[in-house]
Amino acid sequence: MAIPFKNPRPNYIYDVNEEKLAVTNLFAERHVPTATPGKLLLASWNIANLGVQKRWPEALELIAHILSRFDLIAVQEINDRYKAFTEVVKKMGSDFDFIMSDPAGNNERLGYIYQKKKVTPANLFAELALRPREYPKRTVYVKWVDKKGQNCVEVYRELKYEPFDRNPYIGSFKVGSFSFTLVNVHLYFGEYQNSKTVEERAKYARRVLEIYALSKWADRRFDKDTVYDKDIILLGDMNVPAMSETEGTYKALIKFGWKTLDYVTRTAGSNLGNDKTYDQMVFAPGDIARRVANFGVFDYDNAIFRDEWNTIVSNYRRSAAIRKYNTLVKHHISDHRPVWIELSVD
């Protein structure tokens, strides 16, 4: 069950036009491209609890302003009560439309927003559900540290795959002569790798196996003659905390040689804490890799609510000020940042 972020008290009142201008200025400062013929600006954004927690119209307008910078966006955490999502799309203007899935785990939907004059939905839209014969079994190693500070490894031998908690949402699109398939995901989180109990670490192992199952499916589809489109991009909240060879989730993601974007060393983390890479874009080797012109993370939280930030930081130690400020940001906007990529589509 989704847990809404609390509304900080007292309410913070802001001028949405001033906040939109601040975002626009940060787009320029961070060198996020504008819409250009021959290029596709593709983004992915987990807009936390969209439809669960009550957001002001100004917050939805600010979210819409950020989204409208891009041509095509995969959105995660749309609630079964999807009216907030459709209101955001409406605020983006008549040039944009959307497609979304039915609710799955945690009452969440997945969606796509697209610029109608540039992006054309193609013929394949479906939820990804593996057939039982495709269920993988795999030994998963989970690293953890005991009370004495000793490094330990929990081994889950031949762990059986459990079906996706939230089925990934496949969508096919065309821009100019370039056609491609997106797989929009919000993968299982469970627990942290360094959890205290065997049962909690088992939940982390399930996360690793779910990522592995997605990667294996994508690699097999890529090699099949019957695949709808070989240009496949996996994107969304994959709950990969670090892009490191010591991180089990990341190793599962790249197991079959698919390419990731090292945005964290180039720009920032995809969370407000700036230290996690939960959100990813992953693509098959070959054509798409050659089309990548630019990529990054948009840290909108470094532009908005500056007056309130200045007030907070003058009254709290910096670490406490950041926590207090992030509480404000994630209630109004999200605890995730958009990740984006610019692709050549000529």
Protein backbone atom coordinates (compact mmCIF):
# COMPACT_ATOMS: atom_id res chain seq x y z
CA MET A 1 0.00 0.00 0.00
CA ALA A 2 1.37 3.40 -0.99
CA ILE A 3 2.14 5.70 1.92
CA PRO A 4 1.65 9.40 1.10
CA PHE A 5 4.38 11.84 2.04
CA LYS A 6 3.22 14.11 4.85
CA ASN A 7 2.42 17.73 4.20
CA PRO A 8 5.00 19.81 6.09
CA ARG A 9 3.51 22.35 8.44
CA PRO A 10 2.93 25.18 8.05
CA ASN A 11 1.85 25.06 4.40
CA TYR A 12 4.40 26.55 2.05
CA ILE A 13 2.71 29.00 -0.33
CA TYR A 14 4.55 29.76 -3.55
CA ASP A 15 4.15 31.56 -6.86
CA VAL A 16 4.04 28.78 -9.46
CA ASN A 17 5.15 31.12 -12.26
CA GLU A 18 8.30 32.02 -10.34
CA GLU A 19 8.97 28.32 -9.72
CA LYS A 20 8.44 27.48 -13.39
CA LEU A 21 10.91 30.21 -14.37
CA ALA A 22 13.45 28.78 -11.92
CA VAL A 23 13.02 25.34 -13.50
CA THR A 24 13.41 26.78 -17.00
CA ASN A 25 16.62 28.52 -15.97
CA LEU A 26 17.96 25.28 -14.48
CA PHE A 27 17.18 23.44 -17.72
CA ALA A 28 19.53 25.88 -19.45
CA GLU A 29 22.15 25.70 -16.70
CA ARG A 30 22.16 21.89 -16.79
CA HIS A 31 22.27 21.89 -20.62
CA VAL A 32 19.08 19.88 -21.00
CA PRO A 33 18.30 20.15 -24.73
CA THR A 34 15.16 21.68 -26.14
CA ALA A 35 12.95 19.84 -28.62
CA THR A 36 14.82 19.61 -31.92
CA PRO A 37 13.93 18.09 -35.30
CA GLY A 38 15.85 14.87 -35.83
CA LYS A 39 16.26 14.28 -32.08
CA LEU A 40 14.05 12.56 -29.52
CA LEU A 41 14.08 13.71 -25.90
CA LEU A 42 13.07 10.61 -23.93
CA ALA A 43 12.62 10.75 -20.14
CA SER A 44 11.57 8.53 -17.27
CA TRP A 45 10.19 9.81 -13.98
CA ASN A 46 8.82 8.16 -10.88
CA ILE A 47 6.32 10.80 -9.69
CA ALA A 48 5.84 9.40 -6.21
CA ASN A 49 2.32 8.59 -5.01
CA LEU A 50 0.68 10.30 -7.97
CA GLY A 51 -3.00 10.14 -7.09
CA VAL A 52 -2.43 8.94 -3.52
CA GLN A 53 -1.37 12.11 -1.76
CA LYS A 54 -3.23 15.35 -2.32
CA ARG A 55 -1.20 17.78 -4.41
CA TRP A 56 -2.14 21.38 -4.97
CA PRO A 57 -3.01 22.50 -8.53
CA GLU A 58 0.21 24.54 -8.45
CA ALA A 59 2.25 21.40 -7.77
CA LEU A 60 0.60 19.56 -10.66
CA GLU A 61 1.31 22.57 -12.89
CA LEU A 62 4.95 22.55 -11.86
CA ILE A 63 5.22 18.80 -12.51
CA ALA A 64 3.61 19.39 -15.93
CA HIS A 65 6.12 22.15 -16.69
CA ILE A 66 9.03 19.79 -16.02
CA LEU A 67 7.50 16.99 -18.09
CA SER A 68 6.70 19.21 -21.07
CA ARG A 69 10.39 19.74 -21.73
CA PHE A 70 10.52 16.20 -23.15
CA ASP A 71 8.97 14.52 -26.20
CA LEU A 72 8.17 11.16 -24.60
CA ILE A 73 8.09 10.26 -20.92
CA ALA A 74 7.66 6.95 -19.11
CA VAL A 75 5.92 7.62 -15.79
CA GLN A 76 5.85 5.36 -12.74
CA GLU A 77 3.70 5.35 -9.56
CA ILE A 78 0.45 6.46 -11.16
CA ASN A 79 -2.19 5.31 -8.71
CA ASP A 80 -5.36 3.40 -9.55
CA ARG A 81 -7.01 6.78 -8.90
CA TYR A 82 -5.43 8.28 -11.98
CA LYS A 83 -7.15 11.70 -12.14
CA ALA A 84 -4.07 13.53 -10.87
CA PHE A 85 -2.11 12.01 -13.76
CA THR A 86 -4.65 13.07 -16.38
CA GLU A 87 -4.75 16.53 -14.81
CA VAL A 88 -0.98 16.80 -15.22
CA VAL A 89 -1.25 15.83 -18.89
CA LYS A 90 -4.02 18.37 -19.38
CA LYS A 91 -1.81 21.07 -17.87
CA MET A 92 0.95 20.13 -20.34
CA GLY A 93 -1.28 21.39 -23.16
CA SER A 94 -3.16 20.00 -26.12
CA ASP A 95 0.03 18.88 -27.88
CA PHE A 96 0.43 16.02 -25.38
CA ASP A 97 -1.51 12.80 -24.83
CA PHE A 98 -1.04 9.65 -22.77
CA ILE A 99 -1.42 5.88 -22.63
CA MET A 100 -1.48 3.97 -19.35
CA SER A 101 -1.75 0.47 -17.96
CA ASP A 102 -4.33 -1.03 -15.65
CA PRO A 103 -3.33 -1.13 -11.94
CA ALA A 104 -1.10 -3.91 -10.65
CA GLY A 105 0.93 -4.33 -7.45
CA ASN A 106 0.52 -1.54 -4.91
CA ASN A 107 -2.44 -0.28 -6.97
CA GLU A 108 0.02 1.34 -9.36
CA ARG A 109 -0.28 2.05 -13.05
CA LEU A 110 2.51 2.78 -15.53
CA GLY A 111 2.08 5.37 -18.24
CA TYR A 112 3.52 7.10 -21.27
CA ILE A 113 3.09 10.78 -22.13
CA TYR A 114 3.96 11.78 -25.68
CA GLN A 115 4.12 14.86 -27.87
CA LYS A 116 1.48 14.15 -30.51
CA LYS A 117 3.07 16.13 -33.33
CA LYS A 118 6.37 14.31 -32.96
CA VAL A 119 5.77 10.88 -31.46
CA THR A 120 3.37 8.31 -32.90
CA PRO A 121 2.23 5.30 -30.87
CA ALA A 122 2.78 2.11 -32.86
CA ASN A 123 0.99 -1.26 -32.68
CA LEU A 124 2.34 -3.05 -29.61
CA PHE A 125 1.15 -2.17 -26.09
CA ALA A 126 1.05 -4.90 -23.48
CA GLU A 127 1.93 -5.85 -19.94
CA LEU A 128 4.97 -8.10 -19.70
CA ALA A 129 4.19 -11.37 -17.95
CA LEU A 130 6.57 -14.31 -18.19
CA ARG A 131 5.22 -17.75 -19.05
CA PRO A 132 5.91 -20.40 -16.37
CA ARG A 133 8.46 -22.14 -18.58
CA GLU A 134 10.39 -18.86 -18.70
CA TYR A 135 10.63 -18.49 -14.92
CA PRO A 136 14.33 -18.39 -14.06
CA LYS A 137 15.99 -20.02 -11.08
CA ARG A 138 19.28 -18.58 -9.93
CA THR A 139 21.62 -18.63 -6.96
CA VAL A 140 21.68 -15.14 -5.45
CA TYR A 141 24.40 -13.88 -3.13
CA VAL A 142 23.47 -11.12 -0.69
CA LYS A 143 26.25 -9.26 1.09
CA TRP A 144 25.69 -7.96 4.61
CA VAL A 145 27.59 -6.90 7.72
CA ASP A 146 27.01 -8.53 11.12
CA LYS A 147 26.96 -6.83 14.54
CA LYS A 148 30.71 -7.29 14.88
CA GLY A 149 31.33 -5.50 11.62
CA GLN A 150 32.27 -8.68 9.78
CA ASN A 151 31.45 -8.94 6.07
CA CYS A 152 29.08 -11.83 5.43
CA VAL A 153 27.30 -13.35 2.44
CA GLU A 154 23.85 -14.94 2.51
CA VAL A 155 23.44 -17.54 -0.25
CA TYR A 156 19.99 -18.29 -1.67
CA ARG A 157 20.58 -21.34 -3.84
CA GLU A 158 18.45 -21.88 -6.92
CA LEU A 159 16.08 -19.14 -5.84
CA LYS A 160 12.80 -19.42 -7.71
CA TYR A 161 11.47 -16.42 -9.57
CA GLU A 162 8.17 -14.99 -8.36
CA PRO A 163 6.06 -13.20 -11.00
CA PHE A 164 6.56 -9.46 -11.32
CA ASP A 165 4.96 -7.52 -8.48
CA ARG A 166 4.07 -4.83 -11.04
CA ASN A 167 4.13 -6.12 -14.61
CA PRO A 168 6.34 -3.96 -16.85
CA TYR A 169 4.40 -2.02 -19.46
CA ILE A 170 5.53 -2.40 -23.07
CA GLY A 171 4.88 0.45 -25.50
CA SER A 172 5.95 0.82 -29.12
CA PHE A 173 6.48 4.21 -30.76
CA LYS A 174 7.75 5.82 -33.92
CA VAL A 175 9.54 9.14 -34.47
CA GLY A 176 10.29 9.91 -38.10
CA SER A 177 11.77 6.75 -39.58
CA PHE A 178 12.92 5.43 -36.19
CA SER A 179 10.69 2.87 -34.48
CA PHE A 180 11.41 1.46 -31.04
CA THR A 181 9.88 -0.35 -28.08
CA LEU A 182 9.96 0.88 -24.49
CA VAL A 183 9.54 -1.32 -21.43
CA ASN A 184 8.38 0.87 -18.55
CA VAL A 185 9.10 -0.69 -15.14
CA HIS A 186 8.74 -0.16 -11.42
CA LEU A 187 10.51 -3.20 -10.07
CA TYR A 188 10.18 -4.83 -6.67
CA PHE A 189 12.10 -3.19 -3.81
CA GLY A 190 11.53 -5.48 -0.84
CA GLU A 191 14.34 -4.71 1.58
CA TYR A 192 17.89 -3.43 1.65
CA GLN A 193 20.88 -5.64 0.93
CA ASN A 194 22.37 -5.07 4.37
CA SER A 195 19.20 -5.96 6.28
CA LYS A 196 19.28 -7.47 9.75
CA THR A 197 17.35 -10.72 9.20
CA VAL A 198 17.51 -13.63 6.80
CA GLU A 199 13.89 -12.99 5.79
CA GLU A 200 14.61 -9.35 4.93
CA ARG A 201 17.70 -10.26 2.95
CA ALA A 202 15.57 -12.79 1.07
CA LYS A 203 13.39 -9.91 -0.09
CA TYR A 204 16.47 -8.19 -1.47
CA ALA A 205 17.39 -11.44 -3.23
CA ARG A 206 13.92 -11.43 -4.81
CA ARG A 207 14.65 -7.95 -6.15
CA VAL A 208 17.89 -9.18 -7.73
CA LEU A 209 16.08 -12.11 -9.34
CA GLU A 210 13.30 -9.90 -10.70
CA ILE A 211 15.87 -7.63 -12.36
CA TYR A 212 17.64 -10.70 -13.73
CA ALA A 213 14.33 -12.01 -15.13
CA LEU A 214 13.69 -8.71 -16.90
CA SER A 215 17.22 -8.61 -18.36
CA LYS A 216 16.98 -12.21 -19.53
CA TRP A 217 13.59 -11.63 -21.14
CA ALA A 218 14.87 -8.55 -22.97
CA ASP A 219 17.95 -10.35 -24.24
CA ARG A 220 15.91 -13.29 -25.53
CA ARG A 221 13.34 -11.04 -27.22
CA PHE A 222 16.11 -9.06 -28.84
CA ASP A 223 17.43 -12.24 -30.48
CA LYS A 224 14.09 -13.62 -31.70
CA ASP A 225 12.91 -13.32 -35.31
CA THR A 226 9.37 -12.83 -34.03
CA VAL A 227 10.15 -9.76 -31.92
CA TYR A 228 8.04 -6.73 -32.84
CA ASP A 229 11.02 -4.36 -32.77
CA LYS A 230 14.66 -5.11 -31.92
CA ASP A 231 15.26 -1.54 -30.73
CA ILE A 232 14.24 -2.10 -27.11
CA ILE A 233 14.81 0.28 -24.21
CA LEU A 234 14.20 -0.76 -20.61
CA LEU A 235 13.50 2.27 -18.46
CA GLY A 236 11.99 3.27 -15.16
CA ASP A 237 12.47 2.76 -11.45
CA MET A 238 14.55 -0.41 -11.32
CA ASN A 239 15.55 0.00 -7.67
CA VAL A 240 19.24 -0.31 -8.48
CA PRO A 241 20.90 1.65 -5.64
CA ALA A 242 24.38 1.82 -7.16
CA MET A 243 25.94 1.22 -10.57
CA SER A 244 28.73 -0.89 -9.18
CA GLU A 245 30.02 -4.40 -9.87
CA THR A 246 29.69 -5.06 -6.12
CA GLU A 247 25.94 -4.36 -6.26
CA GLY A 248 23.88 -7.48 -7.01
CA THR A 249 21.00 -5.60 -8.62
CA TYR A 250 23.30 -3.83 -11.07
CA LYS A 251 25.14 -7.03 -11.97
CA ALA A 252 21.77 -8.63 -12.76
CA LEU A 253 20.81 -5.66 -14.92
CA ILE A 254 23.91 -5.85 -17.14
CA LYS A 255 24.27 -9.65 -17.04
CA PHE A 256 23.49 -10.04 -20.75
CA GLY A 257 25.59 -7.18 -22.04
CA TRP A 258 22.95 -4.48 -22.31
CA LYS A 259 24.14 -0.89 -22.01
CA THR A 260 23.44 1.51 -19.16
CA LEU A 261 24.04 5.25 -18.89
CA ASP A 262 26.60 6.33 -16.30
CA TYR A 263 24.68 9.47 -15.45
CA VAL A 264 25.60 9.56 -11.77
CA THR A 265 29.25 10.48 -12.39
CA ARG A 266 28.22 12.83 -15.18
CA THR A 267 25.42 14.69 -13.42
CA ALA A 268 23.77 13.40 -10.23
CA GLY A 269 21.88 10.61 -8.53
CA SER A 270 18.23 10.11 -9.43
CA ASN A 271 17.01 10.50 -5.84
CA LEU A 272 16.74 13.67 -3.77
CA GLY A 273 19.58 12.38 -1.60
CA ASN A 274 21.75 12.46 -4.72
CA ASP A 275 23.38 9.13 -3.86
CA LYS A 276 21.25 6.46 -5.56
CA THR A 277 20.74 5.29 -9.15
CA TYR A 278 17.33 3.69 -8.72
CA ASP A 279 16.12 5.01 -12.09
CA GLN A 280 17.71 3.59 -15.20
CA MET A 281 17.63 3.48 -18.98
CA VAL A 282 19.06 0.31 -20.50
CA PHE A 283 19.23 -0.60 -24.16
CA ALA A 284 20.39 -3.35 -26.47
CA PRO A 285 23.87 -3.11 -27.95
CA GLY A 286 23.95 -1.76 -31.47
CA ASP A 287 21.69 0.74 -33.15
CA ILE A 288 20.36 2.63 -30.10
CA ALA A 289 23.81 2.95 -28.55
CA ARG A 290 24.95 4.71 -31.71
CA ARG A 291 22.02 7.11 -31.54
CA VAL A 292 22.78 8.46 -28.04
CA ALA A 293 23.60 12.16 -28.33
CA ASN A 294 23.22 13.29 -24.72
CA PHE A 295 21.84 12.17 -21.36
CA GLY A 296 21.53 13.15 -17.74
CA VAL A 297 19.42 13.59 -14.62
CA PHE A 298 17.40 16.74 -14.06
CA ASP A 299 17.83 17.88 -10.45
CA TYR A 300 14.82 20.23 -10.33
CA ASP A 301 15.10 20.28 -6.53
CA ASN A 302 18.12 22.55 -6.88
CA ALA A 303 15.91 25.23 -8.44
CA ILE A 304 12.52 25.20 -6.77
CA PHE A 305 11.41 26.68 -3.44
CA ARG A 306 14.63 28.69 -3.04
CA ASP A 307 13.08 31.20 -0.64
CA GLU A 308 12.05 28.42 1.69
CA TRP A 309 15.46 26.75 1.36
CA ASN A 310 17.19 29.98 2.38
CA THR A 311 14.93 30.23 5.42
CA ILE A 312 15.48 26.60 6.43
CA VAL A 313 19.26 26.62 5.99
CA SER A 314 19.57 29.75 8.11
CA ASN A 315 17.85 28.02 11.04
CA TYR A 316 19.19 24.43 10.88
CA ARG A 317 22.45 22.62 10.46
CA ARG A 318 22.97 21.82 6.79
CA SER A 319 22.23 18.08 7.11
CA ALA A 320 19.01 18.78 9.01
CA ALA A 321 18.11 21.57 6.59
CA ILE A 322 18.45 19.20 3.63
CA ARG A 323 16.15 16.65 5.28
CA LYS A 324 13.57 19.30 6.07
CA TYR A 325 13.74 20.77 2.58
CA ASN A 326 13.48 17.34 0.92
CA THR A 327 10.35 16.67 2.96
CA LEU A 328 8.83 19.72 1.31
CA VAL A 329 9.97 18.78 -2.19
CA LYS A 330 8.79 15.17 -2.11
CA HIS A 331 5.35 16.16 -0.82
CA HIS A 332 4.78 18.70 -3.59
CA ILE A 333 6.74 17.03 -6.42
CA SER A 334 8.51 13.68 -5.85
CA ASP A 335 11.43 11.94 -4.16
CA HIS A 336 12.79 10.96 -7.59
CA ARG A 337 14.30 13.05 -10.36
CA PRO A 338 13.70 12.53 -14.08
CA VAL A 339 16.40 10.73 -16.05
CA TRP A 340 16.59 11.65 -19.73
CA ILE A 341 18.33 10.78 -22.97
CA GLU A 342 18.57 12.52 -26.33
CA LEU A 343 18.51 10.16 -29.32
CA SER A 344 19.23 10.92 -32.96
CA VAL A 345 16.22 9.72 -34.93
CA ASP A 346 17.11 10.66 -38.53
